C-alpha atoms as a PDB file:
ATOM      1  CA  MET A   1     190.550 102.178  10.855  1.00  0.00           C
ATOM      2  CA  ASP A   2     192.135 105.028  12.101  1.00  0.00           C
ATOM      3  CA  GLU A   3     195.633 105.092  13.867  1.00  0.00           C
ATOM      4  CA  GLU A   4     193.988 105.731  17.416  1.00  0.00           C
ATOM      5  CA  GLN A   5     191.995 102.737  17.003  1.00  0.00           C
ATOM      6  CA  ILE A   6     194.661 100.374  15.872  1.00  0.00           C
ATOM      7  CA  ARG A   7     196.939 101.515  18.709  1.00  0.00           C
ATOM      8  CA  LYS A   8     194.170 100.558  21.396  1.00  0.00           C
ATOM      9  CA  LEU A   9     194.304  97.146  20.180  1.00  0.00           C
ATOM     10  CA  GLU A  10     198.280  96.627  20.050  1.00  0.00           C
ATOM     11  CA  PRO A  11     198.763  96.159  23.922  1.00  0.00           C
ATOM     12  CA  LYS A  12     196.369  93.260  23.829  1.00  0.00           C
ATOM     13  CA  TYR A  13     196.804  91.549  20.874  1.00  0.00           C
ATOM     14  CA  THR A  14     201.022  92.175  20.253  1.00  0.00           C
ATOM     15  CA  GLY A  15     201.932  92.999  24.168  1.00  0.00           C
ATOM     16  CA  ASN A  16     203.478  96.243  22.692  1.00  0.00           C
ATOM     17  CA  MET A  17     206.055  94.195  20.934  1.00  0.00           C
ATOM     18  CA  ARG A  18     205.333  95.740  17.515  1.00  0.00           C
ATOM     19  CA  HIS A  19     202.785  97.821  15.457  1.00  0.00           C
ATOM     20  CA  LEU A  20     199.639  96.069  14.061  1.00  0.00           C
ATOM     21  CA  THR A  21     199.147  96.708  10.518  1.00  0.00           C
ATOM     22  CA  GLU A  22     195.671  98.120   9.266  1.00  0.00           C
ATOM     23  CA  GLY A  23     194.555  94.774   7.930  1.00  0.00           C
ATOM     24  CA  GLU A  24     195.513  92.981  11.358  1.00  0.00           C
ATOM     25  CA  ALA A  25     193.376  95.626  13.163  1.00  0.00           C
ATOM     26  CA  TYR A  26     190.370  94.958  10.667  1.00  0.00           C
ATOM     27  CA  ALA A  27     190.823  91.306  11.176  1.00  0.00           C
ATOM     28  CA  ILE A  28     190.641  91.869  14.937  1.00  0.00           C
ATOM     29  CA  VAL A  29     188.140  93.795  14.820  1.00  0.00           C
ATOM     30  CA  ASN A  30     185.958  91.858  12.621  1.00  0.00           C
ATOM     31  CA  ASP A  31     186.252  88.642  14.333  1.00  0.00           C
ATOM     32  CA  PRO A  32     183.217  86.738  15.612  1.00  0.00           C
ATOM     33  CA  ASN A  33     184.996  86.330  18.519  1.00  0.00           C
ATOM     34  CA  TYR A  34     186.245  89.909  19.302  1.00  0.00           C
ATOM     35  CA  GLU A  35     184.900  91.432  22.444  1.00  0.00           C
ATOM     36  CA  GLY A  36     185.402  95.388  22.779  1.00  0.00           C
ATOM     37  CA  ASP A  37     186.366  97.226  25.819  1.00  0.00           C
ATOM     38  CA  ASP A  38     183.049  98.841  26.236  1.00  0.00           C
ATOM     39  CA  ASP A  39     182.022  98.625  29.901  1.00  0.00           C
ATOM     40  CA  ASP A  40     178.485  97.836  28.727  1.00  0.00           C
ATOM     41  CA  SER A  41     179.488  94.504  27.291  1.00  0.00           C
ATOM     42  CA  LEU A  42     180.690  93.404  30.816  1.00  0.00           C
ATOM     43  CA  LEU A  43     177.242  93.589  32.382  1.00  0.00           C
ATOM     44  CA  GLU A  44     175.849  91.745  28.940  1.00  0.00           C
ATOM     45  CA  SER A  45     177.686  88.619  29.849  1.00  0.00           C
ATOM     46  CA  ILE A  46     176.402  88.301  33.538  1.00  0.00           C
ATOM     47  CA  PRO A  47     173.629  86.322  34.003  1.00  0.00           C
ATOM     48  CA  GLY A  48     170.200  88.562  35.211  1.00  0.00           C
ATOM     49  CA  ILE A  49     169.605  86.256  37.946  1.00  0.00           C
ATOM     50  CA  LEU A  50     172.954  86.674  39.750  1.00  0.00           C
ATOM     51  CA  LEU A  51     172.460  90.736  39.019  1.00  0.00           C
ATOM     52  CA  ALA A  52     168.810  90.194  40.823  1.00  0.00           C
ATOM     53  CA  GLY A  53     170.425  88.534  43.759  1.00  0.00           C
ATOM     54  CA  LYS A  54     167.453  85.877  43.723  1.00  0.00           C
ATOM     55  CA  ARG A  55     167.592  82.113  44.344  1.00  0.00           C
ATOM     56  CA  PRO A  56     165.298  80.548  42.149  1.00  0.00           C
ATOM     57  CA  ASN A  57     165.752  76.892  43.656  1.00  0.00           C
ATOM     58  CA  ARG A  58     165.160  78.135  47.076  1.00  0.00           C
ATOM     59  CA  PRO A  59     161.993  78.363  48.520  1.00  0.00           C
ATOM     60  CA  GLN A  60     160.616  81.670  50.214  1.00  0.00           C
END
């Protein structure tokens, strides 16, 4: 990982109290529970029915 990628992780994971090592940053990014900061991932976590605005249980 390059220095810029590591610095982007620091505020969230250390509260800017210390610098992450390359090994720590690598472990965070490769953790199966890690969610990156890309905007597309926000929409992926919203169920499609909410985005469509339909109510499947309501007669029309």
